[in-house]
Amino acid sequence: TGYVCGFGAVIIQTSDGGDTWTEMTTDQQDLFRAIDFNS
């Protein structure tokens, strides 16, 4: 399970180690810079 963010309001998620990806939705159309998680 992983998450990757970037420019073009891109945030994608995988639940199989990166074999397939899901495009996630946000309420922003901005450049995404950094990501971190707690539990």
Full PDB file with SEQRES, HELIX, SHEET, SSBOND, CRYST1, ORIGX, SCALE, CONECT and MASTER records, all heavy atoms in Angstrom:
SEQRES   1 A   39  THR GLY TYR VAL CYS GLY PHE GLY ALA VAL ILE ILE GLN          
SEQRES   2 A   39  THR SER ASP GLY GLY ASP THR TRP THR GLU MET THR THR          
SEQRES   3 A   39  ASP GLN GLN ASP LEU PHE ARG ALA ILE ASP PHE ASN SER          
SHEET    1 AA1 3 GLY A   2  GLY A   6  0                                        
SHEET    2 AA1 3 VAL A  10  THR A  14 -1                                        
SHEET    3 AA1 3 THR A  22  GLU A  23 -1                                        
CRYST1    1.000    1.000    1.000  90.00  90.00  90.00 P 1           1          
ORIGX1      1.000000  0.000000  0.000000        0.00000                         
ORIGX2      0.000000  1.000000  0.000000        0.00000                         
ORIGX3      0.000000  0.000000  1.000000        0.00000                         
SCALE1      1.000000  0.000000  0.000000        0.00000                         
SCALE2      0.000000  1.000000  0.000000        0.00000                         
SCALE3      0.000000  0.000000  1.000000        0.00000                         
ATOM      1  N   THR A   1       0.830  -1.201   0.000  1.00  0.00           N  
ATOM      2  CA  THR A   1       0.000   0.000   0.000  1.00  0.00           C  
ATOM      3  C   THR A   1       0.867   1.254   0.000  1.00  0.00           C  
ATOM      4  O   THR A   1       1.614   1.505   0.946  1.00  0.00           O  
ATOM      5  CB  THR A   1      -0.925   0.026   1.216  1.00  0.00           C  
ATOM      6  OG1 THR A   1      -1.661  -1.200   1.275  1.00  0.00           O  
ATOM      7  CG2 THR A   1      -1.884   1.197   1.141  1.00  0.00           C  
ATOM      8  N   GLY A   2       0.746   2.046  -1.065  1.00  0.00           N  
ATOM      9  CA  GLY A   2       1.558   3.251  -1.163  1.00  0.00           C  
ATOM     10  C   GLY A   2       0.832   4.378  -1.853  1.00  0.00           C  
ATOM     11  O   GLY A   2      -0.154   4.174  -2.570  1.00  0.00           O  
ATOM     12  N   TYR A   3       1.337   5.598  -1.645  1.00  0.00           N  
ATOM     13  CA  TYR A   3       0.754   6.817  -2.187  1.00  0.00           C  
ATOM     14  C   TYR A   3       1.874   7.664  -2.769  1.00  0.00           C  
ATOM     15  O   TYR A   3       2.934   7.805  -2.158  1.00  0.00           O  
ATOM     16  CB  TYR A   3       0.025   7.593  -1.092  1.00  0.00           C  
ATOM     17  CG  TYR A   3      -1.069   6.797  -0.411  1.00  0.00           C  
ATOM     18  CD1 TYR A   3      -0.762   5.878   0.596  1.00  0.00           C  
ATOM     19  CD2 TYR A   3      -2.402   6.948  -0.788  1.00  0.00           C  
ATOM     20  CE1 TYR A   3      -1.764   5.128   1.210  1.00  0.00           C  
ATOM     21  CE2 TYR A   3      -3.405   6.211  -0.174  1.00  0.00           C  
ATOM     22  CZ  TYR A   3      -3.078   5.301   0.825  1.00  0.00           C  
ATOM     23  OH  TYR A   3      -4.059   4.567   1.428  1.00  0.00           O  
ATOM     24  N   VAL A   4       1.625   8.254  -3.942  1.00  0.00           N  
ATOM     25  CA  VAL A   4       2.612   9.100  -4.603  1.00  0.00           C  
ATOM     26  C   VAL A   4       1.906  10.370  -5.061  1.00  0.00           C  
ATOM     27  O   VAL A   4       0.823  10.314  -5.652  1.00  0.00           O  
ATOM     28  CB  VAL A   4       3.245   8.394  -5.820  1.00  0.00           C  
ATOM     29  CG1 VAL A   4       4.383   9.243  -6.384  1.00  0.00           C  
ATOM     30  CG2 VAL A   4       3.762   7.007  -5.434  1.00  0.00           C  
ATOM     31  N   CYS A   5       2.517  11.535  -4.790  1.00  0.00           N  
ATOM     32  CA  CYS A   5       1.898  12.806  -5.177  1.00  0.00           C  
ATOM     33  C   CYS A   5       2.859  13.602  -6.051  1.00  0.00           C  
ATOM     34  O   CYS A   5       4.075  13.380  -6.026  1.00  0.00           O  
ATOM     35  CB  CYS A   5       1.486  13.624  -3.953  1.00  0.00           C  
ATOM     36  SG  CYS A   5       2.866  14.303  -2.994  1.00  0.00           S  
ATOM     37  N   GLY A   6       2.279  14.544  -6.811  1.00  0.00           N  
ATOM     38  CA  GLY A   6       3.128  15.332  -7.682  1.00  0.00           C  
ATOM     39  C   GLY A   6       2.416  16.505  -8.308  1.00  0.00           C  
ATOM     40  O   GLY A   6       1.330  16.914  -7.878  1.00  0.00           O  
ATOM     41  N   PHE A   7       3.031  17.043  -9.333  1.00  0.00           N  
ATOM     42  CA  PHE A   7       2.477  18.191 -10.031  1.00  0.00           C  
ATOM     43  C   PHE A   7       1.216  17.773 -10.796  1.00  0.00           C  
ATOM     44  O   PHE A   7       0.930  16.592 -10.959  1.00  0.00           O  
ATOM     45  CB  PHE A   7       3.506  18.782 -10.973  1.00  0.00           C  
ATOM     46  CG  PHE A   7       4.653  19.471 -10.266  1.00  0.00           C  
ATOM     47  CD1 PHE A   7       5.739  19.937 -10.977  1.00  0.00           C  
ATOM     48  CD2 PHE A   7       4.644  19.652  -8.892  1.00  0.00           C  
ATOM     49  CE1 PHE A   7       6.795  20.575 -10.347  1.00  0.00           C  
ATOM     50  CE2 PHE A   7       5.688  20.298  -8.239  1.00  0.00           C  
ATOM     51  CZ  PHE A   7       6.771  20.755  -8.968  1.00  0.00           C  
ATOM     52  N   GLY A   8       0.461  18.787 -11.267  1.00  0.00           N  
ATOM     53  CA  GLY A   8      -0.758  18.492 -11.984  1.00  0.00           C  
ATOM     54  C   GLY A   8      -1.851  17.925 -11.111  1.00  0.00           C  
ATOM     55  O   GLY A   8      -2.741  17.227 -11.609  1.00  0.00           O  
ATOM     56  N   ALA A   9      -1.812  18.229  -9.790  1.00  0.00           N  
ATOM     57  CA  ALA A   9      -2.812  17.721  -8.836  1.00  0.00           C  
ATOM     58  C   ALA A   9      -2.883  16.200  -8.848  1.00  0.00           C  
ATOM     59  O   ALA A   9      -3.943  15.616  -8.641  1.00  0.00           O  
ATOM     60  CB  ALA A   9      -4.185  18.327  -9.119  1.00  0.00           C  
ATOM     61  N   VAL A  10      -1.737  15.548  -9.050  1.00  0.00           N  
ATOM     62  CA  VAL A  10      -1.696  14.091  -9.133  1.00  0.00           C  
ATOM     63  C   VAL A  10      -1.491  13.476  -7.753  1.00  0.00           C  
ATOM     64  O   VAL A  10      -0.555  13.843  -7.022  1.00  0.00           O  
ATOM     65  CB  VAL A  10      -0.570  13.621 -10.076  1.00  0.00           C  
ATOM     66  CG1 VAL A  10      -0.311  12.130  -9.926  1.00  0.00           C  
ATOM     67  CG2 VAL A  10      -0.925  13.950 -11.513  1.00  0.00           C  
ATOM     68  N   ILE A  11      -2.356  12.551  -7.383  1.00  0.00           N  
ATOM     69  CA  ILE A  11      -2.146  11.698  -6.217  1.00  0.00           C  
ATOM     70  C   ILE A  11      -2.663  10.316  -6.598  1.00  0.00           C  
ATOM     71  O   ILE A  11      -3.849  10.147  -6.909  1.00  0.00           O  
ATOM     72  CB  ILE A  11      -2.840  12.251  -4.947  1.00  0.00           C  
ATOM     73  CG1 ILE A  11      -2.775  11.225  -3.801  1.00  0.00           C  
ATOM     74  CG2 ILE A  11      -4.246  12.717  -5.217  1.00  0.00           C  
ATOM     75  CD1 ILE A  11      -1.404  10.984  -3.258  1.00  0.00           C  
ATOM     76  N   ILE A  12      -1.772   9.334  -6.630  1.00  0.00           N  
ATOM     77  CA  ILE A  12      -2.122   7.974  -7.029  1.00  0.00           C  
ATOM     78  C   ILE A  12      -1.816   7.017  -5.885  1.00  0.00           C  
ATOM     79  O   ILE A  12      -0.944   7.272  -5.049  1.00  0.00           O  
ATOM     80  CB  ILE A  12      -1.378   7.542  -8.304  1.00  0.00           C  
ATOM     81  CG1 ILE A  12       0.139   7.695  -8.139  1.00  0.00           C  
ATOM     82  CG2 ILE A  12      -1.876   8.335  -9.501  1.00  0.00           C  
ATOM     83  CD1 ILE A  12       0.940   7.207  -9.338  1.00  0.00           C  
ATOM     84  N   GLN A  13      -2.580   5.916  -5.856  1.00  0.00           N  
ATOM     85  CA  GLN A  13      -2.472   4.952  -4.762  1.00  0.00           C  
ATOM     86  C   GLN A  13      -2.389   3.546  -5.330  1.00  0.00           C  
ATOM     87  O   GLN A  13      -3.001   3.236  -6.350  1.00  0.00           O  
ATOM     88  CB  GLN A  13      -3.691   5.074  -3.843  1.00  0.00           C  
ATOM     89  CG  GLN A  13      -3.647   4.188  -2.607  1.00  0.00           C  
ATOM     90  CD  GLN A  13      -4.378   2.863  -2.799  1.00  0.00           C  
ATOM     91  OE1 GLN A  13      -5.104   2.692  -3.771  1.00  0.00           O  
ATOM     92  NE2 GLN A  13      -4.179   1.938  -1.889  1.00  0.00           N  
ATOM     93  N   THR A  14      -1.592   2.704  -4.690  1.00  0.00           N  
ATOM     94  CA  THR A  14      -1.507   1.296  -5.062  1.00  0.00           C  
ATOM     95  C   THR A  14      -1.767   0.425  -3.850  1.00  0.00           C  
ATOM     96  O   THR A  14      -1.397   0.786  -2.720  1.00  0.00           O  
ATOM     97  CB  THR A  14      -0.140   0.947  -5.672  1.00  0.00           C  
ATOM     98  OG1 THR A  14      -0.119  -0.442  -6.035  1.00  0.00           O  
ATOM     99  CG2 THR A  14       1.001   1.205  -4.690  1.00  0.00           C  
ATOM    100  N   SER A  15      -2.397  -0.711  -4.072  1.00  0.00           N  
ATOM    101  CA  SER A  15      -2.603  -1.691  -2.999  1.00  0.00           C  
ATOM    102  C   SER A  15      -1.981  -3.027  -3.351  1.00  0.00           C  
ATOM    103  O   SER A  15      -2.234  -4.023  -2.675  1.00  0.00           O  
ATOM    104  CB  SER A  15      -4.104  -1.864  -2.713  1.00  0.00           C  
ATOM    105  OG  SER A  15      -4.793  -2.256  -3.884  1.00  0.00           O  
ATOM    106  N   ASP A  16      -1.153  -3.042  -4.425  1.00  0.00           N  
ATOM    107  CA  ASP A  16      -0.498  -4.288  -4.831  1.00  0.00           C  
ATOM    108  C   ASP A  16       0.973  -4.064  -5.156  1.00  0.00           C  
ATOM    109  O   ASP A  16       1.524  -4.692  -6.047  1.00  0.00           O  
ATOM    110  CB  ASP A  16      -1.233  -4.925  -6.007  1.00  0.00           C  
ATOM    111  CG  ASP A  16      -1.371  -3.982  -7.209  1.00  0.00           C  
ATOM    112  OD1 ASP A  16      -0.665  -2.952  -7.243  1.00  0.00           O  
ATOM    113  OD2 ASP A  16      -2.191  -4.271  -8.086  1.00  0.00           O  
ATOM    114  N   GLY A  17       1.613  -3.169  -4.420  1.00  0.00           N  
ATOM    115  CA  GLY A  17       3.042  -2.953  -4.583  1.00  0.00           C  
ATOM    116  C   GLY A  17       3.435  -2.215  -5.839  1.00  0.00           C  
ATOM    117  O   GLY A  17       4.608  -2.238  -6.227  1.00  0.00           O  
ATOM    118  N   GLY A  18       2.459  -1.567  -6.503  1.00  0.00           N  
ATOM    119  CA  GLY A  18       2.767  -0.782  -7.684  1.00  0.00           C  
ATOM    120  C   GLY A  18       2.431  -1.448  -8.998  1.00  0.00           C  
ATOM    121  O   GLY A  18       2.666  -0.862 -10.063  1.00  0.00           O  
ATOM    122  N   ASP A  19       1.846  -2.664  -8.963  1.00  0.00           N  
ATOM    123  CA  ASP A  19       1.443  -3.307 -10.212  1.00  0.00           C  
ATOM    124  C   ASP A  19       0.301  -2.538 -10.868  1.00  0.00           C  
ATOM    125  O   ASP A  19       0.247  -2.400 -12.094  1.00  0.00           O  
ATOM    126  CB  ASP A  19       1.021  -4.754  -9.960  1.00  0.00           C  
ATOM    127  CG  ASP A  19       2.199  -5.652  -9.618  1.00  0.00           C  
ATOM    128  OD1 ASP A  19       3.339  -5.284  -9.962  1.00  0.00           O  
ATOM    129  OD2 ASP A  19       1.982  -6.704  -9.008  1.00  0.00           O  
ATOM    130  N   THR A  20      -0.645  -2.050 -10.053  1.00  0.00           N  
ATOM    131  CA  THR A  20      -1.735  -1.221 -10.567  1.00  0.00           C  
ATOM    132  C   THR A  20      -1.897  -0.016  -9.657  1.00  0.00           C  
ATOM    133  O   THR A  20      -1.526  -0.051  -8.479  1.00  0.00           O  
ATOM    134  CB  THR A  20      -3.066  -1.996 -10.628  1.00  0.00           C  
ATOM    135  OG1 THR A  20      -3.406  -2.456  -9.315  1.00  0.00           O  
ATOM    136  CG2 THR A  20      -2.959  -3.178 -11.565  1.00  0.00           C  
ATOM    137  N   TRP A  21      -2.478   1.059 -10.213  1.00  0.00           N  
ATOM    138  CA  TRP A  21      -2.611   2.318  -9.487  1.00  0.00           C  
ATOM    139  C   TRP A  21      -4.027   2.849  -9.613  1.00  0.00           C  
ATOM    140  O   TRP A  21      -4.682   2.687 -10.645  1.00  0.00           O  
ATOM    141  CB  TRP A  21      -1.636   3.360 -10.030  1.00  0.00           C  
ATOM    142  CG  TRP A  21      -0.194   2.981  -9.842  1.00  0.00           C  
ATOM    143  CD1 TRP A  21       0.572   2.243 -10.687  1.00  0.00           C  
ATOM    144  CD2 TRP A  21       0.630   3.308  -8.723  1.00  0.00           C  
ATOM    145  NE1 TRP A  21       1.830   2.093 -10.166  1.00  0.00           N  
ATOM    146  CE2 TRP A  21       1.901   2.735  -8.961  1.00  0.00           C  
ATOM    147  CE3 TRP A  21       0.429   4.038  -7.558  1.00  0.00           C  
ATOM    148  CZ2 TRP A  21       2.959   2.862  -8.079  1.00  0.00           C  
ATOM    149  CZ3 TRP A  21       1.490   4.170  -6.673  1.00  0.00           C  
ATOM    150  CH2 TRP A  21       2.732   3.590  -6.931  1.00  0.00           C  
ATOM    151  N   THR A  22      -4.496   3.514  -8.555  1.00  0.00           N  
ATOM    152  CA  THR A  22      -5.778   4.192  -8.528  1.00  0.00           C  
ATOM    153  C   THR A  22      -5.543   5.692  -8.432  1.00  0.00           C  
ATOM    154  O   THR A  22      -4.755   6.138  -7.605  1.00  0.00           O  
ATOM    155  CB  THR A  22      -6.625   3.741  -7.326  1.00  0.00           C  
ATOM    156  OG1 THR A  22      -6.873   2.333  -7.415  1.00  0.00           O  
ATOM    157  CG2 THR A  22      -7.957   4.476  -7.291  1.00  0.00           C  
ATOM    158  N   GLU A  23      -6.220   6.451  -9.295  1.00  0.00           N  
ATOM    159  CA  GLU A  23      -6.149   7.906  -9.214  1.00  0.00           C  
ATOM    160  C   GLU A  23      -7.093   8.381  -8.113  1.00  0.00           C  
ATOM    161  O   GLU A  23      -8.287   8.116  -8.158  1.00  0.00           O  
ATOM    162  CB  GLU A  23      -6.544   8.527 -10.545  1.00  0.00           C  
ATOM    163  CG  GLU A  23      -5.667   8.103 -11.708  1.00  0.00           C  
ATOM    164  CD  GLU A  23      -6.223   8.599 -13.016  1.00  0.00           C  
ATOM    165  OE1 GLU A  23      -6.650   9.764 -13.084  1.00  0.00           O  
ATOM    166  OE2 GLU A  23      -6.242   7.813 -13.978  1.00  0.00           O  
ATOM    167  N   MET A  24      -6.567   9.089  -7.124  1.00  0.00           N  
ATOM    168  CA  MET A  24      -7.376   9.569  -6.017  1.00  0.00           C  
ATOM    169  C   MET A  24      -7.904  10.972  -6.311  1.00  0.00           C  
ATOM    170  O   MET A  24      -7.352  11.692  -7.145  1.00  0.00           O  
ATOM    171  CB  MET A  24      -6.564   9.549  -4.718  1.00  0.00           C  
ATOM    172  CG  MET A  24      -5.983   8.191  -4.376  1.00  0.00           C  
ATOM    173  SD  MET A  24      -5.158   8.155  -2.771  1.00  0.00           S  
ATOM    174  CE  MET A  24      -6.583   8.105  -1.665  1.00  0.00           C  
ATOM    175  N   THR A  25      -8.977  11.344  -5.622  1.00  0.00           N  
ATOM    176  CA  THR A  25      -9.596  12.644  -5.847  1.00  0.00           C  
ATOM    177  C   THR A  25      -9.234  13.601  -4.723  1.00  0.00           C  
ATOM    178  O   THR A  25      -8.991  13.188  -3.583  1.00  0.00           O  
ATOM    179  CB  THR A  25     -11.118  12.512  -5.936  1.00  0.00           C  
ATOM    180  OG1 THR A  25     -11.627  11.994  -4.703  1.00  0.00           O  
ATOM    181  CG2 THR A  25     -11.515  11.585  -7.064  1.00  0.00           C  
ATOM    182  N   THR A  26      -9.222  14.903  -5.051  1.00  0.00           N  
ATOM    183  CA  THR A  26      -8.930  15.949  -4.079  1.00  0.00           C  
ATOM    184  C   THR A  26      -9.832  17.147  -4.354  1.00  0.00           C  
ATOM    185  O   THR A  26     -10.452  17.241  -5.422  1.00  0.00           O  
ATOM    186  CB  THR A  26      -7.462  16.421  -4.152  1.00  0.00           C  
ATOM    187  OG1 THR A  26      -7.301  17.248  -5.315  1.00  0.00           O  
ATOM    188  CG2 THR A  26      -6.509  15.244  -4.237  1.00  0.00           C  
ATOM    189  N   ASP A  27      -9.881  18.065  -3.399  1.00  0.00           N  
ATOM    190  CA  ASP A  27     -10.618  19.312  -3.621  1.00  0.00           C  
ATOM    191  C   ASP A  27      -9.697  20.436  -4.077  1.00  0.00           C  
ATOM    192  O   ASP A  27     -10.060  21.602  -4.043  1.00  0.00           O  
ATOM    193  CB  ASP A  27     -11.383  19.723  -2.357  1.00  0.00           C  
ATOM    194  CG  ASP A  27     -10.460  20.045  -1.183  1.00  0.00           C  
ATOM    195  OD1 ASP A  27      -9.228  19.909  -1.336  1.00  0.00           O  
ATOM    196  OD2 ASP A  27     -10.960  20.424  -0.113  1.00  0.00           O  
ATOM    197  N   GLN A  28      -8.474  20.089  -4.531  1.00  0.00           N  
ATOM    198  CA  GLN A  28      -7.493  21.073  -4.992  1.00  0.00           C  
ATOM    199  C   GLN A  28      -7.026  20.730  -6.395  1.00  0.00           C  
ATOM    200  O   GLN A  28      -6.888  19.559  -6.747  1.00  0.00           O  
ATOM    201  CB  GLN A  28      -6.275  21.076  -4.065  1.00  0.00           C  
ATOM    202  CG  GLN A  28      -6.532  21.634  -2.689  1.00  0.00           C  
ATOM    203  CD  GLN A  28      -6.216  23.115  -2.609  1.00  0.00           C  
ATOM    204  OE1 GLN A  28      -5.756  23.712  -3.572  1.00  0.00           O  
ATOM    205  NE2 GLN A  28      -6.483  23.711  -1.466  1.00  0.00           N  
ATOM    206  N   GLN A  29      -6.787  21.768  -7.193  1.00  0.00           N  
ATOM    207  CA  GLN A  29      -6.133  21.602  -8.489  1.00  0.00           C  
ATOM    208  C   GLN A  29      -4.815  22.367  -8.443  1.00  0.00           C  
ATOM    209  O   GLN A  29      -4.622  23.376  -9.105  1.00  0.00           O  
ATOM    210  CB  GLN A  29      -7.039  22.106  -9.610  1.00  0.00           C  
ATOM    211  CG  GLN A  29      -8.279  21.276  -9.822  1.00  0.00           C  
ATOM    212  CD  GLN A  29      -7.946  19.846 -10.224  1.00  0.00           C  
ATOM    213  OE1 GLN A  29      -7.149  19.618 -11.134  1.00  0.00           O  
ATOM    214  NE2 GLN A  29      -8.541  18.885  -9.536  1.00  0.00           N  
ATOM    215  N   ASP A  30      -3.903  21.884  -7.642  1.00  0.00           N  
ATOM    216  CA  ASP A  30      -2.648  22.570  -7.368  1.00  0.00           C  
ATOM    217  C   ASP A  30      -1.500  21.613  -7.641  1.00  0.00           C  
ATOM    218  O   ASP A  30      -1.697  20.454  -8.019  1.00  0.00           O  
ATOM    219  CB  ASP A  30      -2.647  23.045  -5.909  1.00  0.00           C  
ATOM    220  CG  ASP A  30      -1.654  24.176  -5.663  1.00  0.00           C  
ATOM    221  OD1 ASP A  30      -0.868  24.497  -6.568  1.00  0.00           O  
ATOM    222  OD2 ASP A  30      -1.664  24.727  -4.554  1.00  0.00           O  
ATOM    223  N   LEU A  31      -0.291  22.088  -7.427  1.00  0.00           N  
ATOM    224  CA  LEU A  31       0.894  21.246  -7.492  1.00  0.00           C  
ATOM    225  C   LEU A  31       1.122  20.654  -6.109  1.00  0.00           C  
ATOM    226  O   LEU A  31       1.300  21.392  -5.139  1.00  0.00           O  
ATOM    227  CB  LEU A  31       2.112  22.059  -7.937  1.00  0.00           C  
ATOM    228  CG  LEU A  31       1.947  22.903  -9.200  1.00  0.00           C  
ATOM    229  CD1 LEU A  31       3.245  23.643  -9.504  1.00  0.00           C  
ATOM    230  CD2 LEU A  31       1.528  22.051 -10.379  1.00  0.00           C  
ATOM    231  N   PHE A  32       1.124  19.340  -5.995  1.00  0.00           N  
ATOM    232  CA  PHE A  32       1.315  18.688  -4.708  1.00  0.00           C  
ATOM    233  C   PHE A  32       2.807  18.464  -4.472  1.00  0.00           C  
ATOM    234  O   PHE A  32       3.518  17.963  -5.343  1.00  0.00           O  
ATOM    235  CB  PHE A  32       0.553  17.376  -4.652  1.00  0.00           C  
ATOM    236  CG  PHE A  32      -0.944  17.536  -4.793  1.00  0.00           C  
ATOM    237  CD1 PHE A  32      -1.721  16.545  -5.374  1.00  0.00           C  
ATOM    238  CD2 PHE A  32      -1.567  18.694  -4.361  1.00  0.00           C  
ATOM    239  CE1 PHE A  32      -3.091  16.703  -5.508  1.00  0.00           C  
ATOM    240  CE2 PHE A  32      -2.938  18.866  -4.485  1.00  0.00           C  
ATOM    241  CZ  PHE A  32      -3.702  17.859  -5.069  1.00  0.00           C  
ATOM    242  N   ARG A  33       3.278  18.824  -3.271  1.00  0.00           N  
ATOM    243  CA  ARG A  33       4.718  18.856  -3.003  1.00  0.00           C  
ATOM    244  C   ARG A  33       5.221  17.748  -2.087  1.00  0.00           C  
ATOM    245  O   ARG A  33       6.312  17.226  -2.299  1.00  0.00           O  
ATOM    246  CB  ARG A  33       5.093  20.210  -2.382  1.00  0.00           C  
ATOM    247  CG  ARG A  33       4.721  21.430  -3.182  1.00  0.00           C  
ATOM    248  CD  ARG A  33       5.446  21.533  -4.505  1.00  0.00           C  
ATOM    249  NE  ARG A  33       6.877  21.400  -4.414  1.00  0.00           N  
ATOM    250  CZ  ARG A  33       7.748  22.113  -5.114  1.00  0.00           C  
ATOM    251  NH1 ARG A  33       7.312  23.053  -5.938  1.00  0.00           N  
ATOM    252  NH2 ARG A  33       9.028  21.904  -5.008  1.00  0.00           N  
ATOM    253  N   ALA A  34       4.484  17.433  -1.028  1.00  0.00           N  
ATOM    254  CA  ALA A  34       5.018  16.501  -0.031  1.00  0.00           C  
ATOM    255  C   ALA A  34       3.878  15.732   0.606  1.00  0.00           C  
ATOM    256  O   ALA A  34       2.733  16.201   0.662  1.00  0.00           O  
ATOM    257  CB  ALA A  34       5.817  17.250   1.037  1.00  0.00           C  
ATOM    258  N   ILE A  35       4.197  14.534   1.138  1.00  0.00           N  
ATOM    259  CA  ILE A  35       3.180  13.666   1.721  1.00  0.00           C  
ATOM    260  C   ILE A  35       3.781  12.900   2.891  1.00  0.00           C  
ATOM    261  O   ILE A  35       4.968  12.544   2.886  1.00  0.00           O  
ATOM    262  CB  ILE A  35       2.635  12.699   0.641  1.00  0.00           C  
ATOM    263  CG1 ILE A  35       1.399  11.942   1.138  1.00  0.00           C  
ATOM    264  CG2 ILE A  35       3.703  11.743   0.168  1.00  0.00           C  
ATOM    265  CD1 ILE A  35       0.703  11.172   0.030  1.00  0.00           C  
ATOM    266  N   ASP A  36       2.968  12.683   3.929  1.00  0.00           N  
ATOM    267  CA  ASP A  36       3.389  11.887   5.081  1.00  0.00           C  
ATOM    268  C   ASP A  36       2.136  11.346   5.763  1.00  0.00           C  
ATOM    269  O   ASP A  36       1.030  11.844   5.535  1.00  0.00           O  
ATOM    270  CB  ASP A  36       4.227  12.718   6.056  1.00  0.00           C  
ATOM    271  CG  ASP A  36       5.164  11.852   6.895  1.00  0.00           C  
ATOM    272  OD1 ASP A  36       5.076  10.611   6.809  1.00  0.00           O  
ATOM    273  OD2 ASP A  36       5.985  12.418   7.649  1.00  0.00           O  
ATOM    274  N   PHE A  37       2.307  10.331   6.615  1.00  0.00           N  
ATOM    275  CA  PHE A  37       1.180   9.660   7.254  1.00  0.00           C  
ATOM    276  C   PHE A  37       1.456   9.432   8.724  1.00  0.00           C  
ATOM    277  O   PHE A  37       2.611   9.233   9.140  1.00  0.00           O  
ATOM    278  CB  PHE A  37       0.931   8.287   6.611  1.00  0.00           C  
ATOM    279  CG  PHE A  37       0.180   8.327   5.316  1.00  0.00           C  
ATOM    280  CD1 PHE A  37       0.810   8.716   4.148  1.00  0.00           C  
ATOM    281  CD2 PHE A  37      -1.155   7.975   5.253  1.00  0.00           C  
ATOM    282  CE1 PHE A  37       0.129   8.749   2.948  1.00  0.00           C  
ATOM    283  CE2 PHE A  37      -1.859   8.000   4.063  1.00  0.00           C  
ATOM    284  CZ  PHE A  37      -1.214   8.391   2.905  1.00  0.00           C  
ATOM    285  N   ASN A  38       0.368   9.454   9.527  1.00  0.00           N  
ATOM    286  CA  ASN A  38       0.417   8.831  10.844  1.00  0.00           C  
ATOM    287  C   ASN A  38      -0.420   7.559  10.773  1.00  0.00           C  
ATOM    288  O   ASN A  38      -0.703   7.064   9.680  1.00  0.00           O  
ATOM    289  CB  ASN A  38      -0.047   9.799  11.945  1.00  0.00           C  
ATOM    290  CG  ASN A  38      -1.489  10.242  11.789  1.00  0.00           C  
ATOM    291  OD1 ASN A  38      -2.278   9.648  11.049  1.00  0.00           O  
ATOM    292  ND2 ASN A  38      -1.860  11.300  12.486  1.00  0.00           N  
ATOM    293  N   SER A  39      -0.854   7.005  11.898  1.00  0.00           N  
ATOM    294  CA  SER A  39      -1.517   5.706  11.874  1.00  0.00           C  
ATOM    295  C   SER A  39      -2.940   5.765  11.345  1.00  0.00           C  
ATOM    296  O   SER A  39      -3.510   4.724  10.973  1.00  0.00           O  
ATOM    297  CB  SER A  39      -1.525   5.103  13.277  1.00  0.00           C  
ATOM    298  OG  SER A  39      -2.285   5.903  14.169  1.00  0.00           O  
TER     299      SER A  39                                                      
MASTER        0    0    0    0    3    0    0    6  298    1    0    3          
END                                                                             
